[in-house]
């Protein structure tokens, strides 16, 4: 029996800490082009947390929200992960006072970004 893996599952698997059931701050940070301290700042945890306690719930919640938005962006970009990551980090969104998706996720607005991606993929114009 074959299992269909949703984009989020494959993305999450790509960023999983090897041999553990949590996301790797190091892998996510590297994919986003961020130093680990910058990732910690975005997640609002101590700069030592990603290395010392990568399974920290606040850190993991932030990483899950990042991956949720990236999964939607990757899906909208026809599976192009590099393009989705570039968009997430750099695209100023006019509809949101020119904040980037990264800034919106940091502000706790990941669902707004997912809804935006889905509306754009559905044919809405910006």
C-alpha atoms as a PDB file:
ATOM      1  CA  UNK A   1       0.000   0.000   0.000  1.00  0.00           C
ATOM      2  CA  UNK A   2       1.416   3.403  -0.929  1.00  0.00           C
ATOM      3  CA  UNK A   3       1.048   6.426   1.298  1.00  0.00           C
ATOM      4  CA  UNK A   4       0.448   9.853  -0.188  1.00  0.00           C
ATOM      5  CA  UNK A   5       2.531  12.429   1.657  1.00  0.00           C
ATOM      6  CA  UNK A   6       1.117  15.938   1.827  1.00  0.00           C
ATOM      7  CA  UNK A   7       3.468  18.850   1.049  1.00  0.00           C
ATOM      8  CA  UNK A   8       3.650  19.771   4.739  1.00  0.00           C
ATOM      9  CA  UNK A   9       4.639  16.223   5.682  1.00  0.00           C
ATOM     10  CA  UNK A  10       7.461  16.091   3.147  1.00  0.00           C
ATOM     11  CA  UNK A  11       8.614  19.570   4.139  1.00  0.00           C
ATOM     12  CA  UNK A  12       8.463  18.677   7.820  1.00  0.00           C
ATOM     13  CA  UNK A  13      10.377  15.467   7.166  1.00  0.00           C
ATOM     14  CA  UNK A  14      13.072  17.407   5.317  1.00  0.00           C
ATOM     15  CA  UNK A  15      13.525  19.652   8.352  1.00  0.00           C
ATOM     16  CA  UNK A  16      13.173  16.991  11.069  1.00  0.00           C
ATOM     17  CA  UNK A  17      15.992  16.545  13.552  1.00  0.00           C
ATOM     18  CA  UNK A  18      17.526  13.157  12.642  1.00  0.00           C
ATOM     19  CA  UNK A  19      16.352  10.355  14.946  1.00  0.00           C
ATOM     20  CA  UNK A  20      14.007  12.696  16.857  1.00  0.00           C
ATOM     21  CA  UNK A  21      10.352  13.676  16.688  1.00  0.00           C
ATOM     22  CA  UNK A  22      10.912  17.425  16.439  1.00  0.00           C
ATOM     23  CA  UNK A  23      11.987  19.962  13.848  1.00  0.00           C
ATOM     24  CA  UNK A  24      15.630  20.911  13.535  1.00  0.00           C
ATOM     25  CA  UNK A  25      16.242  24.602  14.241  1.00  0.00           C
ATOM     26  CA  UNK A  26      19.618  24.229  12.522  1.00  0.00           C
ATOM     27  CA  UNK A  27      18.080  22.831   9.322  1.00  0.00           C
ATOM     28  CA  UNK A  28      15.256  25.374   9.192  1.00  0.00           C
ATOM     29  CA  UNK A  29      17.665  28.229   9.900  1.00  0.00           C
ATOM     30  CA  UNK A  30      20.056  27.058   7.184  1.00  0.00           C
ATOM     31  CA  UNK A  31      17.226  26.793   4.639  1.00  0.00           C
ATOM     32  CA  UNK A  32      16.082  30.327   5.464  1.00  0.00           C
ATOM     33  CA  UNK A  33      19.638  31.657   5.402  1.00  0.00           C
ATOM     34  CA  UNK A  34      19.500  32.625   9.072  1.00  0.00           C
ATOM     35  CA  UNK A  35      22.045  32.391  11.845  1.00  0.00           C
ATOM     36  CA  UNK A  36      20.759  30.330  14.750  1.00  0.00           C
ATOM     37  CA  UNK A  37      20.608  33.443  16.969  1.00  0.00           C
ATOM     38  CA  UNK A  38      18.367  35.168  14.436  1.00  0.00           C
ATOM     39  CA  UNK A  39      16.087  32.138  14.350  1.00  0.00           C
ATOM     40  CA  UNK A  40      15.912  32.204  18.167  1.00  0.00           C
ATOM     41  CA  UNK A  41      15.023  35.897  18.088  1.00  0.00           C
ATOM     42  CA  UNK A  42      12.222  35.250  15.597  1.00  0.00           C
ATOM     43  CA  UNK A  43      10.887  32.455  17.810  1.00  0.00           C
ATOM     44  CA  UNK A  44      11.178  34.707  20.888  1.00  0.00           C
ATOM     45  CA  UNK A  45      13.388  32.286  22.795  1.00  0.00           C
ATOM     46  CA  UNK A  46      16.850  32.620  24.309  1.00  0.00           C
ATOM     47  CA  UNK A  47      19.671  32.606  21.772  1.00  0.00           C
ATOM     48  CA  UNK A  48      20.929  29.395  23.399  1.00  0.00           C
ATOM     49  CA  UNK A  49      17.623  27.532  23.148  1.00  0.00           C
ATOM     50  CA  UNK A  50      17.959  26.203  19.571  1.00  0.00           C
ATOM     51  CA  UNK A  51      21.230  24.440  20.416  1.00  0.00           C
ATOM     52  CA  UNK A  52      20.621  23.575  24.072  1.00  0.00           C
ATOM     53  CA  UNK A  53      16.900  22.739  23.945  1.00  0.00           C
ATOM     54  CA  UNK A  54      15.824  22.319  20.299  1.00  0.00           C
ATOM     55  CA  UNK A  55      12.641  20.551  21.407  1.00  0.00           C
ATOM     56  CA  UNK A  56      11.480  23.676  23.354  1.00  0.00           C
ATOM     57  CA  UNK A  57       7.732  24.062  22.743  1.00  0.00           C
ATOM     58  CA  UNK A  58       7.834  27.787  21.878  1.00  0.00           C
ATOM     59  CA  UNK A  59      10.632  27.206  19.387  1.00  0.00           C
ATOM     60  CA  UNK A  60       8.905  24.184  17.880  1.00  0.00           C
ATOM     61  CA  UNK A  61       5.607  26.079  17.558  1.00  0.00           C
ATOM     62  CA  UNK A  62       7.354  28.857  15.652  1.00  0.00           C
ATOM     63  CA  UNK A  63       9.098  26.321  13.376  1.00  0.00           C
ATOM     64  CA  UNK A  64       5.775  24.568  12.691  1.00  0.00           C
ATOM     65  CA  UNK A  65       4.172  27.886  11.715  1.00  0.00           C
ATOM     66  CA  UNK A  66       7.079  28.682   9.374  1.00  0.00           C
ATOM     67  CA  UNK A  67       6.756  25.269   7.734  1.00  0.00           C
ATOM     68  CA  UNK A  68       2.976  25.615   7.430  1.00  0.00           C
ATOM     69  CA  UNK A  69       3.396  28.827   5.440  1.00  0.00           C
ATOM     70  CA  UNK A  70       6.299  27.406   3.437  1.00  0.00           C
ATOM     71  CA  UNK A  71       4.255  24.324   2.555  1.00  0.00           C
ATOM     72  CA  UNK A  72       1.457  26.516   1.180  1.00  0.00           C
ATOM     73  CA  UNK A  73       3.973  28.678  -0.682  1.00  0.00           C
ATOM     74  CA  UNK A  74       5.755  25.634  -2.085  1.00  0.00           C
ATOM     75  CA  UNK A  75       2.448  24.222  -3.271  1.00  0.00           C
ATOM     76  CA  UNK A  76       1.585  27.539  -4.953  1.00  0.00           C
ATOM     77  CA  UNK A  77       5.059  27.594  -6.542  1.00  0.00           C
ATOM     78  CA  UNK A  78       4.457  24.211  -8.191  1.00  0.00           C
ATOM     79  CA  UNK A  79       6.760  22.452  -5.752  1.00  0.00           C
ATOM     80  CA  UNK A  80       9.665  24.876  -6.090  1.00  0.00           C
ATOM     81  CA  UNK A  81      10.989  24.992  -2.525  1.00  0.00           C
ATOM     82  CA  UNK A  82      13.779  27.465  -3.307  1.00  0.00           C
ATOM     83  CA  UNK A  83      11.308  29.908  -4.829  1.00  0.00           C
ATOM     84  CA  UNK A  84       8.917  29.472  -1.882  1.00  0.00           C
ATOM     85  CA  UNK A  85      11.681  30.182   0.641  1.00  0.00           C
ATOM     86  CA  UNK A  86      12.850  33.250  -1.294  1.00  0.00           C
ATOM     87  CA  UNK A  87       9.259  34.552  -1.401  1.00  0.00           C
ATOM     88  CA  UNK A  88       8.779  33.892   2.330  1.00  0.00           C
ATOM     89  CA  UNK A  89      11.894  35.807   3.319  1.00  0.00           C
ATOM     90  CA  UNK A  90      11.830  38.665   0.793  1.00  0.00           C
ATOM     91  CA  UNK A  91       8.480  39.467  -0.815  1.00  0.00           C
ATOM     92  CA  UNK A  92       6.875  42.653   0.555  1.00  0.00           C
ATOM     93  CA  UNK A  93       3.120  42.091   0.430  1.00  0.00           C
ATOM     94  CA  UNK A  94       1.204  45.212  -0.526  1.00  0.00           C
ATOM     95  CA  UNK A  95      -1.963  43.922   1.123  1.00  0.00           C
ATOM     96  CA  UNK A  96      -0.141  43.783   4.470  1.00  0.00           C
ATOM     97  CA  UNK A  97       1.610  47.171   4.530  1.00  0.00           C
ATOM     98  CA  UNK A  98       4.528  45.682   2.580  1.00  0.00           C
ATOM     99  CA  UNK A  99       5.490  43.278   5.351  1.00  0.00           C
ATOM    100  CA  UNK A 100       7.131  40.052   4.242  1.00  0.00           C
ATOM    101  CA  UNK A 101       5.557  36.657   4.978  1.00  0.00           C
ATOM    102  CA  UNK A 102       8.452  36.131   7.413  1.00  0.00           C
ATOM    103  CA  UNK A 103       7.508  39.304   9.320  1.00  0.00           C
ATOM    104  CA  UNK A 104       3.841  38.290   9.374  1.00  0.00           C
ATOM    105  CA  UNK A 105       4.666  34.852  10.804  1.00  0.00           C
ATOM    106  CA  UNK A 106       6.850  36.501  13.447  1.00  0.00           C
ATOM    107  CA  UNK A 107       3.824  38.651  14.325  1.00  0.00           C
ATOM    108  CA  UNK A 108       1.705  35.521  14.822  1.00  0.00           C
ATOM    109  CA  UNK A 109      -0.216  35.915  11.566  1.00  0.00           C
ATOM    110  CA  UNK A 110       0.680  32.680   9.776  1.00  0.00           C
ATOM    111  CA  UNK A 111      -2.965  31.827   9.072  1.00  0.00           C
ATOM    112  CA  UNK A 112      -3.406  35.196   7.322  1.00  0.00           C
ATOM    113  CA  UNK A 113      -0.446  34.356   5.082  1.00  0.00           C
ATOM    114  CA  UNK A 114      -1.796  30.876   4.307  1.00  0.00           C
ATOM    115  CA  UNK A 115      -5.200  32.385   3.462  1.00  0.00           C
ATOM    116  CA  UNK A 116      -3.485  34.958   1.232  1.00  0.00           C
ATOM    117  CA  UNK A 117      -1.521  32.257  -0.613  1.00  0.00           C
ATOM    118  CA  UNK A 118      -4.679  30.211  -1.116  1.00  0.00           C
ATOM    119  CA  UNK A 119      -6.621  33.219  -2.394  1.00  0.00           C
ATOM    120  CA  UNK A 120      -3.831  34.103  -4.842  1.00  0.00           C
ATOM    121  CA  UNK A 121      -3.596  30.499  -6.016  1.00  0.00           C
ATOM    122  CA  UNK A 122      -7.369  30.569  -6.491  1.00  0.00           C
ATOM    123  CA  UNK A 123      -7.075  33.461  -8.914  1.00  0.00           C
ATOM    124  CA  UNK A 124      -7.461  36.528  -6.716  1.00  0.00           C
ATOM    125  CA  UNK A 125      -5.457  39.532  -7.783  1.00  0.00           C
ATOM    126  CA  UNK A 126      -3.312  41.581  -5.397  1.00  0.00           C
END
